Full PDB file with SEQRES, HELIX, SHEET, SSBOND, CRYST1, ORIGX, SCALE, CONECT and MASTER records, all heavy atoms in Angstrom:
SEQRES   1 A   37  ALA GLU MET VAL LEU VAL THR VAL LEU LEU PHE PHE LEU          
SEQRES   2 A   37  LEU TYR GLY ARG TYR GLU LEU ARG ASP ARG ILE VAL ARG          
SEQRES   3 A   37  LEU ALA THR ARG ALA ARG ILE ALA VAL ALA SER                  
HELIX    1 AA1 GLU A    2  TYR A   15  1                                  14    
HELIX    2 AA2 ARG A   17  ARG A   30  1                                  14    
CRYST1    1.000    1.000    1.000  90.00  90.00  90.00 P 1           1          
ORIGX1      1.000000  0.000000  0.000000        0.00000                         
ORIGX2      0.000000  1.000000  0.000000        0.00000                         
ORIGX3      0.000000  0.000000  1.000000        0.00000                         
SCALE1      1.000000  0.000000  0.000000        0.00000                         
SCALE2      0.000000  1.000000  0.000000        0.00000                         
SCALE3      0.000000  0.000000  1.000000        0.00000                         
ATOM      1  N   ALA A   1      89.308  83.995 113.371  1.00  0.00           N  
ATOM      2  CA  ALA A   1      89.435  83.211 112.137  1.00  0.00           C  
ATOM      3  C   ALA A   1      88.721  83.886 110.973  1.00  0.00           C  
ATOM      4  O   ALA A   1      89.232  83.924 109.844  1.00  0.00           O  
ATOM      5  CB  ALA A   1      88.878  81.809 112.368  1.00  0.00           C  
ATOM      6  N   GLU A   2      87.534  84.462 111.227  1.00  0.00           N  
ATOM      7  CA  GLU A   2      86.821  85.168 110.164  1.00  0.00           C  
ATOM      8  C   GLU A   2      87.590  86.408 109.704  1.00  0.00           C  
ATOM      9  O   GLU A   2      87.630  86.711 108.507  1.00  0.00           O  
ATOM     10  CB  GLU A   2      85.430  85.556 110.654  1.00  0.00           C  
ATOM     11  CG  GLU A   2      84.470  84.382 110.781  1.00  0.00           C  
ATOM     12  CD  GLU A   2      83.062  84.833 111.107  1.00  0.00           C  
ATOM     13  OE1 GLU A   2      82.854  86.058 111.238  1.00  0.00           O  
ATOM     14  OE2 GLU A   2      82.185  83.970 111.241  1.00  0.00           O  
ATOM     15  N   MET A   3      88.192  87.124 110.656  1.00  0.00           N  
ATOM     16  CA  MET A   3      88.982  88.302 110.280  1.00  0.00           C  
ATOM     17  C   MET A   3      90.176  87.910 109.416  1.00  0.00           C  
ATOM     18  O   MET A   3      90.502  88.582 108.436  1.00  0.00           O  
ATOM     19  CB  MET A   3      89.435  89.039 111.532  1.00  0.00           C  
ATOM     20  CG  MET A   3      88.329  89.746 112.291  1.00  0.00           C  
ATOM     21  SD  MET A   3      88.943  90.627 113.734  1.00  0.00           S  
ATOM     22  CE  MET A   3      90.101  91.769 112.964  1.00  0.00           C  
ATOM     23  N   VAL A   4      90.837  86.811 109.781  1.00  0.00           N  
ATOM     24  CA  VAL A   4      91.978  86.351 108.977  1.00  0.00           C  
ATOM     25  C   VAL A   4      91.513  85.945 107.585  1.00  0.00           C  
ATOM     26  O   VAL A   4      92.160  86.271 106.569  1.00  0.00           O  
ATOM     27  CB  VAL A   4      92.679  85.174 109.692  1.00  0.00           C  
ATOM     28  CG1 VAL A   4      93.746  84.567 108.785  1.00  0.00           C  
ATOM     29  CG2 VAL A   4      93.312  85.646 110.999  1.00  0.00           C  
ATOM     30  N   LEU A   5      90.371  85.250 107.508  1.00  0.00           N  
ATOM     31  CA  LEU A   5      89.842  84.844 106.202  1.00  0.00           C  
ATOM     32  C   LEU A   5      89.505  86.062 105.342  1.00  0.00           C  
ATOM     33  O   LEU A   5      89.828  86.104 104.144  1.00  0.00           O  
ATOM     34  CB  LEU A   5      88.603  83.980 106.406  1.00  0.00           C  
ATOM     35  CG  LEU A   5      87.880  83.507 105.138  1.00  0.00           C  
ATOM     36  CD1 LEU A   5      88.802  82.678 104.269  1.00  0.00           C  
ATOM     37  CD2 LEU A   5      86.632  82.719 105.489  1.00  0.00           C  
ATOM     38  N   VAL A   6      88.865  87.075 105.943  1.00  0.00           N  
ATOM     39  CA  VAL A   6      88.529  88.289 105.197  1.00  0.00           C  
ATOM     40  C   VAL A   6      89.796  88.991 104.727  1.00  0.00           C  
ATOM     41  O   VAL A   6      89.868  89.494 103.591  1.00  0.00           O  
ATOM     42  CB  VAL A   6      87.670  89.221 106.074  1.00  0.00           C  
ATOM     43  CG1 VAL A   6      87.534  90.589 105.418  1.00  0.00           C  
ATOM     44  CG2 VAL A   6      86.300  88.619 106.304  1.00  0.00           C  
ATOM     45  N   THR A   7      90.822  89.027 105.580  1.00  0.00           N  
ATOM     46  CA  THR A   7      92.076  89.696 105.213  1.00  0.00           C  
ATOM     47  C   THR A   7      92.742  89.001 104.033  1.00  0.00           C  
ATOM     48  O   THR A   7      93.191  89.646 103.074  1.00  0.00           O  
ATOM     49  CB  THR A   7      93.021  89.716 106.425  1.00  0.00           C  
ATOM     50  OG1 THR A   7      92.370  90.368 107.514  1.00  0.00           O  
ATOM     51  CG2 THR A   7      94.300  90.448 106.082  1.00  0.00           C  
ATOM     52  N   VAL A   8      92.804  87.671 104.091  1.00  0.00           N  
ATOM     53  CA  VAL A   8      93.443  86.921 103.001  1.00  0.00           C  
ATOM     54  C   VAL A   8      92.650  87.096 101.699  1.00  0.00           C  
ATOM     55  O   VAL A   8      93.222  87.324 100.617  1.00  0.00           O  
ATOM     56  CB  VAL A   8      93.565  85.435 103.384  1.00  0.00           C  
ATOM     57  CG1 VAL A   8      94.080  84.624 102.196  1.00  0.00           C  
ATOM     58  CG2 VAL A   8      94.495  85.275 104.570  1.00  0.00           C  
ATOM     59  N   LEU A   9      91.331  86.994 101.792  1.00  0.00           N  
ATOM     60  CA  LEU A   9      90.507  87.190 100.591  1.00  0.00           C  
ATOM     61  C   LEU A   9      90.672  88.597 100.026  1.00  0.00           C  
ATOM     62  O   LEU A   9      90.750  88.774  98.798  1.00  0.00           O  
ATOM     63  CB  LEU A   9      89.041  86.940 100.940  1.00  0.00           C  
ATOM     64  CG  LEU A   9      88.591  85.484 101.083  1.00  0.00           C  
ATOM     65  CD1 LEU A   9      87.154  85.422 101.580  1.00  0.00           C  
ATOM     66  CD2 LEU A   9      88.717  84.747  99.750  1.00  0.00           C  
ATOM     67  N   LEU A  10      90.722  89.592 100.894  1.00  0.00           N  
ATOM     68  CA  LEU A  10      90.895  90.964 100.426  1.00  0.00           C  
ATOM     69  C   LEU A  10      92.198  91.125  99.674  1.00  0.00           C  
ATOM     70  O   LEU A  10      92.243  91.768  98.603  1.00  0.00           O  
ATOM     71  CB  LEU A  10      90.843  91.921 101.625  1.00  0.00           C  
ATOM     72  CG  LEU A  10      91.105  93.400 101.333  1.00  0.00           C  
ATOM     73  CD1 LEU A  10      90.087  93.955 100.349  1.00  0.00           C  
ATOM     74  CD2 LEU A  10      91.095  94.203 102.625  1.00  0.00           C  
ATOM     75  N   PHE A  11      93.278  90.533 100.186  1.00  0.00           N  
ATOM     76  CA  PHE A  11      94.567  90.653  99.496  1.00  0.00           C  
ATOM     77  C   PHE A  11      94.514  90.023  98.113  1.00  0.00           C  
ATOM     78  O   PHE A  11      94.938  90.628  97.114  1.00  0.00           O  
ATOM     79  CB  PHE A  11      95.669  89.999 100.329  1.00  0.00           C  
ATOM     80  CG  PHE A  11      96.979  89.896  99.609  1.00  0.00           C  
ATOM     81  CD1 PHE A  11      97.793  91.015  99.455  1.00  0.00           C  
ATOM     82  CD2 PHE A  11      97.392  88.696  99.054  1.00  0.00           C  
ATOM     83  CE1 PHE A  11      98.995  90.930  98.764  1.00  0.00           C  
ATOM     84  CE2 PHE A  11      98.595  88.603  98.373  1.00  0.00           C  
ATOM     85  CZ  PHE A  11      99.390  89.722  98.225  1.00  0.00           C  
ATOM     86  N   PHE A  12      93.976  88.806  98.021  1.00  0.00           N  
ATOM     87  CA  PHE A  12      93.965  88.132  96.724  1.00  0.00           C  
ATOM     88  C   PHE A  12      92.986  88.784  95.749  1.00  0.00           C  
ATOM     89  O   PHE A  12      93.224  88.779  94.535  1.00  0.00           O  
ATOM     90  CB  PHE A  12      93.636  86.653  96.911  1.00  0.00           C  
ATOM     91  CG  PHE A  12      94.804  85.839  97.400  1.00  0.00           C  
ATOM     92  CD1 PHE A  12      94.870  85.408  98.712  1.00  0.00           C  
ATOM     93  CD2 PHE A  12      95.853  85.524  96.548  1.00  0.00           C  
ATOM     94  CE1 PHE A  12      95.946  84.671  99.169  1.00  0.00           C  
ATOM     95  CE2 PHE A  12      96.941  84.786  96.991  1.00  0.00           C  
ATOM     96  CZ  PHE A  12      96.984  84.357  98.308  1.00  0.00           C  
ATOM     97  N   LEU A  13      91.896  89.346  96.260  1.00  0.00           N  
ATOM     98  CA  LEU A  13      90.980  90.064  95.373  1.00  0.00           C  
ATOM     99  C   LEU A  13      91.628  91.324  94.814  1.00  0.00           C  
ATOM    100  O   LEU A  13      91.430  91.667  93.637  1.00  0.00           O  
ATOM    101  CB  LEU A  13      89.698  90.418  96.124  1.00  0.00           C  
ATOM    102  CG  LEU A  13      88.739  89.258  96.412  1.00  0.00           C  
ATOM    103  CD1 LEU A  13      87.589  89.735  97.283  1.00  0.00           C  
ATOM    104  CD2 LEU A  13      88.202  88.656  95.121  1.00  0.00           C  
ATOM    105  N   LEU A  14      92.397  92.031  95.629  1.00  0.00           N  
ATOM    106  CA  LEU A  14      93.078  93.229  95.142  1.00  0.00           C  
ATOM    107  C   LEU A  14      94.222  92.873  94.207  1.00  0.00           C  
ATOM    108  O   LEU A  14      94.438  93.535  93.188  1.00  0.00           O  
ATOM    109  CB  LEU A  14      93.597  94.051  96.322  1.00  0.00           C  
ATOM    110  CG  LEU A  14      92.542  94.782  97.164  1.00  0.00           C  
ATOM    111  CD1 LEU A  14      93.196  95.441  98.365  1.00  0.00           C  
ATOM    112  CD2 LEU A  14      91.819  95.822  96.331  1.00  0.00           C  
ATOM    113  N   TYR A  15      94.969  91.830  94.556  1.00  0.00           N  
ATOM    114  CA  TYR A  15      96.128  91.462  93.744  1.00  0.00           C  
ATOM    115  C   TYR A  15      95.708  90.870  92.398  1.00  0.00           C  
ATOM    116  O   TYR A  15      96.317  91.151  91.361  1.00  0.00           O  
ATOM    117  CB  TYR A  15      97.002  90.464  94.510  1.00  0.00           C  
ATOM    118  CG  TYR A  15      98.196  89.988  93.735  1.00  0.00           C  
ATOM    119  CD1 TYR A  15      99.266  90.846  93.470  1.00  0.00           C  
ATOM    120  CD2 TYR A  15      98.255  88.686  93.239  1.00  0.00           C  
ATOM    121  CE1 TYR A  15     100.361  90.411  92.743  1.00  0.00           C  
ATOM    122  CE2 TYR A  15      99.348  88.244  92.516  1.00  0.00           C  
ATOM    123  CZ  TYR A  15     100.391  89.114  92.268  1.00  0.00           C  
ATOM    124  OH  TYR A  15     101.470  88.691  91.544  1.00  0.00           O  
ATOM    125  N   GLY A  16      94.664  90.063  92.392  1.00  0.00           N  
ATOM    126  CA  GLY A  16      94.250  89.403  91.150  1.00  0.00           C  
ATOM    127  C   GLY A  16      92.974  89.952  90.562  1.00  0.00           C  
ATOM    128  O   GLY A  16      92.215  89.193  89.940  1.00  0.00           O  
ATOM    129  N   ARG A  17      92.718  91.253  90.747  1.00  0.00           N  
ATOM    130  CA  ARG A  17      91.441  91.803  90.277  1.00  0.00           C  
ATOM    131  C   ARG A  17      91.338  91.806  88.763  1.00  0.00           C  
ATOM    132  O   ARG A  17      90.239  91.624  88.212  1.00  0.00           O  
ATOM    133  CB  ARG A  17      91.242  93.216  90.821  1.00  0.00           C  
ATOM    134  CG  ARG A  17      92.307  94.229  90.460  1.00  0.00           C  
ATOM    135  CD  ARG A  17      92.096  95.524  91.242  1.00  0.00           C  
ATOM    136  NE  ARG A  17      93.032  96.567  90.879  1.00  0.00           N  
ATOM    137  CZ  ARG A  17      94.254  96.681  91.392  1.00  0.00           C  
ATOM    138  NH1 ARG A  17      94.669  95.778  92.284  1.00  0.00           N  
ATOM    139  NH2 ARG A  17      95.050  97.660  91.028  1.00  0.00           N  
ATOM    140  N   TYR A  18      92.452  91.976  88.050  1.00  0.00           N  
ATOM    141  CA  TYR A  18      92.383  91.974  86.581  1.00  0.00           C  
ATOM    142  C   TYR A  18      92.133  90.563  86.057  1.00  0.00           C  
ATOM    143  O   TYR A  18      91.317  90.362  85.129  1.00  0.00           O  
ATOM    144  CB  TYR A  18      93.669  92.543  85.992  1.00  0.00           C  
ATOM    145  CG  TYR A  18      93.957  93.959  86.432  1.00  0.00           C  
ATOM    146  CD1 TYR A  18      95.097  94.263  87.158  1.00  0.00           C  
ATOM    147  CD2 TYR A  18      93.078  94.994  86.121  1.00  0.00           C  
ATOM    148  CE1 TYR A  18      95.361  95.558  87.567  1.00  0.00           C  
ATOM    149  CE2 TYR A  18      93.330  96.289  86.520  1.00  0.00           C  
ATOM    150  CZ  TYR A  18      94.479  96.571  87.248  1.00  0.00           C  
ATOM    151  OH  TYR A  18      94.732  97.848  87.659  1.00  0.00           O  
ATOM    152  N   GLU A  19      92.820  89.568  86.629  1.00  0.00           N  
ATOM    153  CA  GLU A  19      92.572  88.185  86.211  1.00  0.00           C  
ATOM    154  C   GLU A  19      91.149  87.755  86.553  1.00  0.00           C  
ATOM    155  O   GLU A  19      90.502  87.052  85.770  1.00  0.00           O  
ATOM    156  CB  GLU A  19      93.582  87.247  86.883  1.00  0.00           C  
ATOM    157  CG  GLU A  19      95.010  87.395  86.386  1.00  0.00           C  
ATOM    158  CD  GLU A  19      95.733  88.572  87.032  1.00  0.00           C  
ATOM    159  OE1 GLU A  19      95.114  89.251  87.879  1.00  0.00           O  
ATOM    160  OE2 GLU A  19      96.905  88.815  86.680  1.00  0.00           O  
ATOM    161  N   LEU A  20      90.664  88.183  87.714  1.00  0.00           N  
ATOM    162  CA  LEU A  20      89.294  87.849  88.092  1.00  0.00           C  
ATOM    163  C   LEU A  20      88.289  88.467  87.126  1.00  0.00           C  
ATOM    164  O   LEU A  20      87.290  87.840  86.753  1.00  0.00           O  
ATOM    165  CB  LEU A  20      89.030  88.320  89.516  1.00  0.00           C  
ATOM    166  CG  LEU A  20      87.644  88.002  90.095  1.00  0.00           C  
ATOM    167  CD1 LEU A  20      87.436  86.497  90.161  1.00  0.00           C  
ATOM    168  CD2 LEU A  20      87.487  88.625  91.476  1.00  0.00           C  
ATOM    169  N   ARG A  21      88.556  89.694  86.701  1.00  0.00           N  
ATOM    170  CA  ARG A  21      87.681  90.336  85.718  1.00  0.00           C  
ATOM    171  C   ARG A  21      87.648  89.549  84.413  1.00  0.00           C  
ATOM    172  O   ARG A  21      86.571  89.307  83.843  1.00  0.00           O  
ATOM    173  CB  ARG A  21      88.163  91.763  85.463  1.00  0.00           C  
ATOM    174  CG  ARG A  21      87.385  92.523  84.420  1.00  0.00           C  
ATOM    175  CD  ARG A  21      88.199  93.696  83.914  1.00  0.00           C  
ATOM    176  NE  ARG A  21      89.413  93.238  83.257  1.00  0.00           N  
ATOM    177  CZ  ARG A  21      90.417  94.038  82.909  1.00  0.00           C  
ATOM    178  NH1 ARG A  21      90.368  95.317  83.187  1.00  0.00           N  
ATOM    179  NH2 ARG A  21      91.492  93.548  82.308  1.00  0.00           N  
ATOM    180  N   ASP A  22      88.809  89.103  83.936  1.00  0.00           N  
ATOM    181  CA  ASP A  22      88.846  88.335  82.690  1.00  0.00           C  
ATOM    182  C   ASP A  22      88.139  86.990  82.835  1.00  0.00           C  
ATOM    183  O   ASP A  22      87.481  86.520  81.897  1.00  0.00           O  
ATOM    184  CB  ASP A  22      90.298  88.114  82.264  1.00  0.00           C  
ATOM    185  CG  ASP A  22      91.003  89.433  81.928  1.00  0.00           C  
ATOM    186  OD1 ASP A  22      90.294  90.406  81.595  1.00  0.00           O  
ATOM    187  OD2 ASP A  22      92.245  89.479  82.019  1.00  0.00           O  
ATOM    188  N   ARG A  23      88.262  86.369  84.012  1.00  0.00           N  
ATOM    189  CA  ARG A  23      87.564  85.098  84.218  1.00  0.00           C  
ATOM    190  C   ARG A  23      86.049  85.302  84.174  1.00  0.00           C  
ATOM    191  O   ARG A  23      85.310  84.486  83.620  1.00  0.00           O  
ATOM    192  CB  ARG A  23      87.961  84.492  85.569  1.00  0.00           C  
ATOM    193  CG  ARG A  23      89.406  84.010  85.633  1.00  0.00           C  
ATOM    194  CD  ARG A  23      89.767  83.597  87.051  1.00  0.00           C  
ATOM    195  NE  ARG A  23      91.172  83.270  87.169  1.00  0.00           N  
ATOM    196  CZ  ARG A  23      91.677  82.056  87.033  1.00  0.00           C  
ATOM    197  NH1 ARG A  23      90.865  81.046  86.765  1.00  0.00           N  
ATOM    198  NH2 ARG A  23      92.972  81.842  87.151  1.00  0.00           N  
ATOM    199  N   ILE A  24      85.584  86.385  84.781  1.00  0.00           N  
ATOM    200  CA  ILE A  24      84.151  86.671  84.761  1.00  0.00           C  
ATOM    201  C   ILE A  24      83.671  86.884  83.333  1.00  0.00           C  
ATOM    202  O   ILE A  24      82.591  86.429  82.943  1.00  0.00           O  
ATOM    203  CB  ILE A  24      83.844  87.891  85.645  1.00  0.00           C  
ATOM    204  CG1 ILE A  24      84.114  87.557  87.110  1.00  0.00           C  
ATOM    205  CG2 ILE A  24      82.408  88.343  85.467  1.00  0.00           C  
ATOM    206  CD1 ILE A  24      83.966  88.735  88.043  1.00  0.00           C  
ATOM    207  N   VAL A  25      84.469  87.572  82.529  1.00  0.00           N  
ATOM    208  CA  VAL A  25      84.094  87.802  81.134  1.00  0.00           C  
ATOM    209  C   VAL A  25      84.009  86.484  80.370  1.00  0.00           C  
ATOM    210  O   VAL A  25      83.072  86.242  79.591  1.00  0.00           O  
ATOM    211  CB  VAL A  25      85.097  88.764  80.468  1.00  0.00           C  
ATOM    212  CG1 VAL A  25      84.845  88.847  78.966  1.00  0.00           C  
ATOM    213  CG2 VAL A  25      85.003  90.140  81.086  1.00  0.00           C  
ATOM    214  N   ARG A  26      84.971  85.577  80.603  1.00  0.00           N  
ATOM    215  CA  ARG A  26      84.943  84.291  79.908  1.00  0.00           C  
ATOM    216  C   ARG A  26      83.743  83.454  80.339  1.00  0.00           C  
ATOM    217  O   ARG A  26      83.090  82.805  79.521  1.00  0.00           O  
ATOM    218  CB  ARG A  26      86.247  83.534  80.160  1.00  0.00           C  
ATOM    219  CG  ARG A  26      87.456  84.147  79.474  1.00  0.00           C  
ATOM    220  CD  ARG A  26      88.569  83.138  79.333  1.00  0.00           C  
ATOM    221  NE  ARG A  26      89.086  82.723  80.630  1.00  0.00           N  
ATOM    222  CZ  ARG A  26      90.091  83.322  81.261  1.00  0.00           C  
ATOM    223  NH1 ARG A  26      90.688  84.370  80.707  1.00  0.00           N  
ATOM    224  NH2 ARG A  26      90.511  82.881  82.426  1.00  0.00           N  
ATOM    225  N   LEU A  27      83.450  83.468  81.644  1.00  0.00           N  
ATOM    226  CA  LEU A  27      82.276  82.739  82.111  1.00  0.00           C  
ATOM    227  C   LEU A  27      80.993  83.326  81.534  1.00  0.00           C  
ATOM    228  O   LEU A  27      80.074  82.591  81.155  1.00  0.00           O  
ATOM    229  CB  LEU A  27      82.222  82.776  83.648  1.00  0.00           C  
ATOM    230  CG  LEU A  27      83.242  81.908  84.384  1.00  0.00           C  
ATOM    231  CD1 LEU A  27      83.149  82.155  85.886  1.00  0.00           C  
ATOM    232  CD2 LEU A  27      83.015  80.433  84.082  1.00  0.00           C  
ATOM    233  N   ALA A  28      80.929  84.650  81.472  1.00  0.00           N  
ATOM    234  CA  ALA A  28      79.742  85.292  80.902  1.00  0.00           C  
ATOM    235  C   ALA A  28      79.595  84.950  79.421  1.00  0.00           C  
ATOM    236  O   ALA A  28      78.486  84.759  78.917  1.00  0.00           O  
ATOM    237  CB  ALA A  28      79.818  86.805  81.101  1.00  0.00           C  
ATOM    238  N   THR A  29      80.716  84.857  78.723  1.00  0.00           N  
ATOM    239  CA  THR A  29      80.661  84.507  77.301  1.00  0.00           C  
ATOM    240  C   THR A  29      80.132  83.091  77.112  1.00  0.00           C  
ATOM    241  O   THR A  29      79.310  82.828  76.228  1.00  0.00           O  
ATOM    242  CB  THR A  29      82.058  84.642  76.677  1.00  0.00           C  
ATOM    243  OG1 THR A  29      82.543  85.976  76.877  1.00  0.00           O  
ATOM    244  CG2 THR A  29      82.012  84.341  75.193  1.00  0.00           C  
ATOM    245  N   ARG A  30      80.574  82.174  77.961  1.00  0.00           N  
ATOM    246  CA  ARG A  30      80.073  80.803  77.854  1.00  0.00           C  
ATOM    247  C   ARG A  30      78.590  80.721  78.182  1.00  0.00           C  
ATOM    248  O   ARG A  30      77.867  79.881  77.647  1.00  0.00           O  
ATOM    249  CB  ARG A  30      80.859  79.881  78.784  1.00  0.00           C  
ATOM    250  CG  ARG A  30      82.300  79.670  78.341  1.00  0.00           C  
ATOM    251  CD  ARG A  30      82.975  78.614  79.189  1.00  0.00           C  
ATOM    252  NE  ARG A  30      84.333  78.363  78.735  1.00  0.00           N  
ATOM    253  CZ  ARG A  30      85.126  77.425  79.250  1.00  0.00           C  
ATOM    254  NH1 ARG A  30      84.676  76.666  80.241  1.00  0.00           N  
ATOM    255  NH2 ARG A  30      86.336  77.258  78.787  1.00  0.00           N  
ATOM    256  N   ALA A  31      78.154  81.582  79.097  1.00  0.00           N  
ATOM    257  CA  ALA A  31      76.729  81.610  79.455  1.00  0.00           C  
ATOM    258  C   ALA A  31      75.910  82.481  78.510  1.00  0.00           C  
ATOM    259  O   ALA A  31      74.720  82.693  78.754  1.00  0.00           O  
ATOM    260  CB  ALA A  31      76.568  82.118  80.882  1.00  0.00           C  
ATOM    261  N   ARG A  32      76.555  82.996  77.456  1.00  0.00           N  
ATOM    262  CA  ARG A  32      75.892  83.840  76.463  1.00  0.00           C  
ATOM    263  C   ARG A  32      75.309  85.100  77.092  1.00  0.00           C  
ATOM    264  O   ARG A  32      74.203  85.532  76.784  1.00  0.00           O  
ATOM    265  CB  ARG A  32      74.786  83.059  75.735  1.00  0.00           C  
ATOM    266  CG  ARG A  32      75.320  81.884  74.939  1.00  0.00           C  
ATOM    267  CD  ARG A  32      74.211  81.167  74.209  1.00  0.00           C  
ATOM    268  NE  ARG A  32      74.732  80.040  73.426  1.00  0.00           N  
ATOM    269  CZ  ARG A  32      73.991  79.228  72.685  1.00  0.00           C  
ATOM    270  NH1 ARG A  32      72.669  79.447  72.629  1.00  0.00           N  
ATOM    271  NH2 ARG A  32      74.526  78.243  72.036  1.00  0.00           N  
ATOM    272  N   ILE A  33      76.083  85.678  78.000  1.00  0.00           N  
ATOM    273  CA  ILE A  33      75.703  86.947  78.617  1.00  0.00           C  
ATOM    274  C   ILE A  33      76.593  88.026  78.021  1.00  0.00           C  
ATOM    275  O   ILE A  33      77.821  87.919  78.070  1.00  0.00           O  
ATOM    276  CB  ILE A  33      75.867  86.906  80.150  1.00  0.00           C  
ATOM    277  CG1 ILE A  33      74.942  85.834  80.738  1.00  0.00           C  
ATOM    278  CG2 ILE A  33      75.588  88.256  80.774  1.00  0.00           C  
ATOM    279  CD1 ILE A  33      75.100  85.651  82.229  1.00  0.00           C  
ATOM    280  N   ALA A  34      75.979  89.053  77.474  1.00  0.00           N  
ATOM    281  CA  ALA A  34      76.733  90.114  76.798  1.00  0.00           C  
ATOM    282  C   ALA A  34      77.343  91.050  77.837  1.00  0.00           C  
ATOM    283  O   ALA A  34      76.663  91.911  78.384  1.00  0.00           O  
ATOM    284  CB  ALA A  34      75.819  90.887  75.854  1.00  0.00           C  
ATOM    285  N   VAL A  35      78.607  90.859  78.139  1.00  0.00           N  
ATOM    286  CA  VAL A  35      79.311  91.743  79.063  1.00  0.00           C  
ATOM    287  C   VAL A  35      80.766  91.814  78.611  1.00  0.00           C  
ATOM    288  O   VAL A  35      81.373  90.806  78.260  1.00  0.00           O  
ATOM    289  CB  VAL A  35      79.200  91.226  80.521  1.00  0.00           C  
ATOM    290  CG1 VAL A  35      79.727  89.825  80.646  1.00  0.00           C  
ATOM    291  CG2 VAL A  35      79.945  92.144  81.474  1.00  0.00           C  
ATOM    292  N   ALA A  36      81.309  93.008  78.597  1.00  0.00           N  
ATOM    293  CA  ALA A  36      82.688  93.230  78.183  1.00  0.00           C  
ATOM    294  C   ALA A  36      83.538  93.553  79.390  1.00  0.00           C  
ATOM    295  O   ALA A  36      83.051  93.980  80.433  1.00  0.00           O  
ATOM    296  CB  ALA A  36      82.763  94.375  77.159  1.00  0.00           C  
ATOM    297  N   SER A  37      84.855  93.328  79.229  1.00  0.00           N  
ATOM    298  CA  SER A  37      85.765  93.638  80.332  1.00  0.00           C  
ATOM    299  C   SER A  37      85.755  95.122  80.655  1.00  0.00           C  
ATOM    300  O   SER A  37      85.895  95.525  81.812  1.00  0.00           O  
ATOM    301  CB  SER A  37      87.180  93.187  79.967  1.00  0.00           C  
ATOM    302  OG  SER A  37      87.620  93.849  78.779  1.00  0.00           O  
TER     303      SER A  37                                                      
MASTER        0    0    0    2    0    0    0    6  302    1    0    3          
END                                                                             
């Protein structure tokens, strides 16, 4: 079960890495942390 969970997470992290990066930037902006994409 852990291997399947890691596999699924790995796929979605690779597929949505650009969207995840933009979400991190937006969260950092709300937290007033200076970080750019």
